[in-house]
Amino acid sequence: MAGWYELSKSSNGQFRFVLKAANAETILTSELYTTRGATEAGIASVQANSPHDERYEKKVASNGQPFFNLKAANHQVIGSSEQYTSTAARDNGIASVKTNGSSVTIKDKT
């Protein structure tokens, strides 16, 4: 089974999506969007950009834990990972986004 996107609405009426791996783990979380259409465009951007190594920005949080951002060609952040316990785990997360990012399955939780 491949991964999928879940589209949801926050308590303040804004939208977001998460990319889930086949094991249902969240591997990428979007920023908040004001419209559903913008959220769907964000998903399309992940689908287009996730295969490209140069779109991943590897970072370290202030607490020392590694994470990554997926960026579009215009350098805008499309989504962010969780914080990982090691750089190897972060790199596995990137590999998972590369594998699952092309999914066309969107589960609407709105």
Protein backbone atom coordinates (compact mmCIF):
# COMPACT_ATOMS: atom_id res chain seq x y z
CA MET A 1 0.00 0.00 0.00
CA ALA A 2 1.25 3.46 -0.88
CA GLY A 3 1.05 6.61 1.18
CA TRP A 4 -1.68 9.24 0.98
CA TYR A 5 -2.59 12.81 1.81
CA GLU A 6 -5.10 13.80 4.46
CA LEU A 7 -6.75 17.18 4.01
CA SER A 8 -8.27 18.65 7.16
CA LYS A 9 -9.68 21.87 8.57
CA SER A 10 -8.35 23.45 11.75
CA SER A 11 -10.47 24.89 14.55
CA ASN A 12 -9.97 28.41 13.14
CA GLY A 13 -11.34 27.41 9.72
CA GLN A 14 -8.03 27.15 7.90
CA PHE A 15 -6.89 24.11 5.95
CA ARG A 16 -3.80 21.90 6.06
CA PHE A 17 -2.63 18.61 4.70
CA VAL A 18 -0.38 15.87 5.99
CA LEU A 19 1.40 13.24 3.95
CA LYS A 20 1.14 9.79 5.49
CA ALA A 21 3.40 6.83 4.77
CA ALA A 22 1.94 3.41 4.06
CA ASN A 23 2.20 2.60 7.79
CA ALA A 24 -0.01 5.67 8.57
CA GLU A 25 2.87 7.65 10.08
CA THR A 26 2.79 11.36 9.30
CA ILE A 27 5.93 12.22 7.32
CA LEU A 28 5.19 15.80 6.17
CA THR A 29 2.88 18.51 7.51
CA SER A 30 1.87 21.60 5.58
CA GLU A 31 1.49 25.14 6.82
CA LEU A 32 -2.04 26.48 7.26
CA TYR A 33 -3.88 27.68 4.15
CA THR A 34 -6.87 30.01 4.04
CA THR A 35 -8.63 28.16 1.21
CA ARG A 36 -9.16 24.58 0.19
CA GLY A 37 -7.90 25.39 -3.31
CA ALA A 38 -4.59 26.68 -1.94
CA THR A 39 -4.26 23.50 0.11
CA GLU A 40 -4.83 21.36 -2.98
CA ALA A 41 -2.20 23.42 -4.80
CA GLY A 42 0.17 22.66 -1.91
CA ILE A 43 -0.43 18.94 -2.38
CA ALA A 44 0.26 19.30 -6.11
CA SER A 45 3.50 21.10 -5.23
CA VAL A 46 4.61 18.21 -2.99
CA GLN A 47 3.78 15.78 -5.79
CA ALA A 48 5.94 17.81 -8.20
CA ASN A 49 8.84 18.66 -5.87
CA SER A 50 9.24 15.60 -3.63
CA PRO A 51 11.38 13.58 -6.10
CA HIS A 52 14.10 16.27 -6.24
CA ASP A 53 17.00 16.13 -3.75
CA GLU A 54 17.67 19.85 -4.02
CA ARG A 55 14.18 20.66 -2.70
CA TYR A 56 14.97 19.29 0.78
CA GLU A 57 16.42 21.63 3.37
CA LYS A 58 18.03 19.67 6.20
CA LYS A 59 17.91 21.60 9.46
CA VAL A 60 18.54 21.22 13.17
CA ALA A 61 16.06 22.60 15.72
CA SER A 62 17.17 24.70 18.67
CA ASN A 63 16.92 21.58 20.85
CA GLY A 64 19.46 19.81 18.62
CA GLN A 65 17.00 17.50 16.88
CA PRO A 66 17.22 17.20 13.08
CA PHE A 67 14.25 17.85 10.78
CA PHE A 68 13.67 18.92 7.19
CA ASN A 69 11.59 21.25 5.07
CA LEU A 70 10.43 20.48 1.56
CA LYS A 71 10.62 23.60 -0.60
CA ALA A 72 9.15 24.52 -3.96
CA ALA A 73 11.25 25.83 -6.85
CA ASN A 74 10.54 29.38 -5.60
CA HIS A 75 12.09 28.43 -2.22
CA GLN A 76 8.76 28.60 -0.36
CA VAL A 77 8.34 25.91 2.31
CA ILE A 78 5.64 23.45 1.25
CA GLY A 79 5.83 21.22 4.30
CA SER A 80 7.94 20.27 7.30
CA SER A 81 8.83 17.03 9.00
CA GLU A 82 8.67 16.10 12.62
CA GLN A 83 11.83 16.37 14.70
CA TYR A 84 13.92 13.22 14.61
CA THR A 85 16.31 11.67 17.10
CA SER A 86 19.14 11.31 14.57
CA THR A 87 20.26 12.54 11.16
CA ALA A 88 19.85 8.97 9.86
CA ALA A 89 16.19 8.98 10.94
CA ARG A 90 15.73 12.38 9.26
CA ASP A 91 17.27 11.05 6.06
CA ASN A 92 14.90 8.06 6.21
CA GLY A 93 12.03 10.55 6.52
CA ILE A 94 13.20 12.32 3.38
CA ALA A 95 13.38 8.99 1.56
CA SER A 96 9.83 8.24 2.68
CA VAL A 97 8.56 11.58 1.34
CA LYS A 98 10.31 10.85 -1.95
CA THR A 99 8.58 7.46 -2.09
CA ASN A 100 5.11 8.59 -0.99
CA GLY A 101 4.96 12.18 -2.25
CA SER A 102 3.74 11.21 -5.71
CA SER A 103 0.59 9.65 -4.27
CA VAL A 104 -2.67 10.85 -5.82
CA THR A 105 -4.80 9.52 -2.95
CA ILE A 106 -6.34 12.35 -0.92
CA LYS A 107 -8.49 11.54 2.08
CA ASP A 108 -10.78 14.45 2.84
CA LYS A 109 -11.19 14.89 6.60
CA THR A 110 -12.97 18.26 6.35
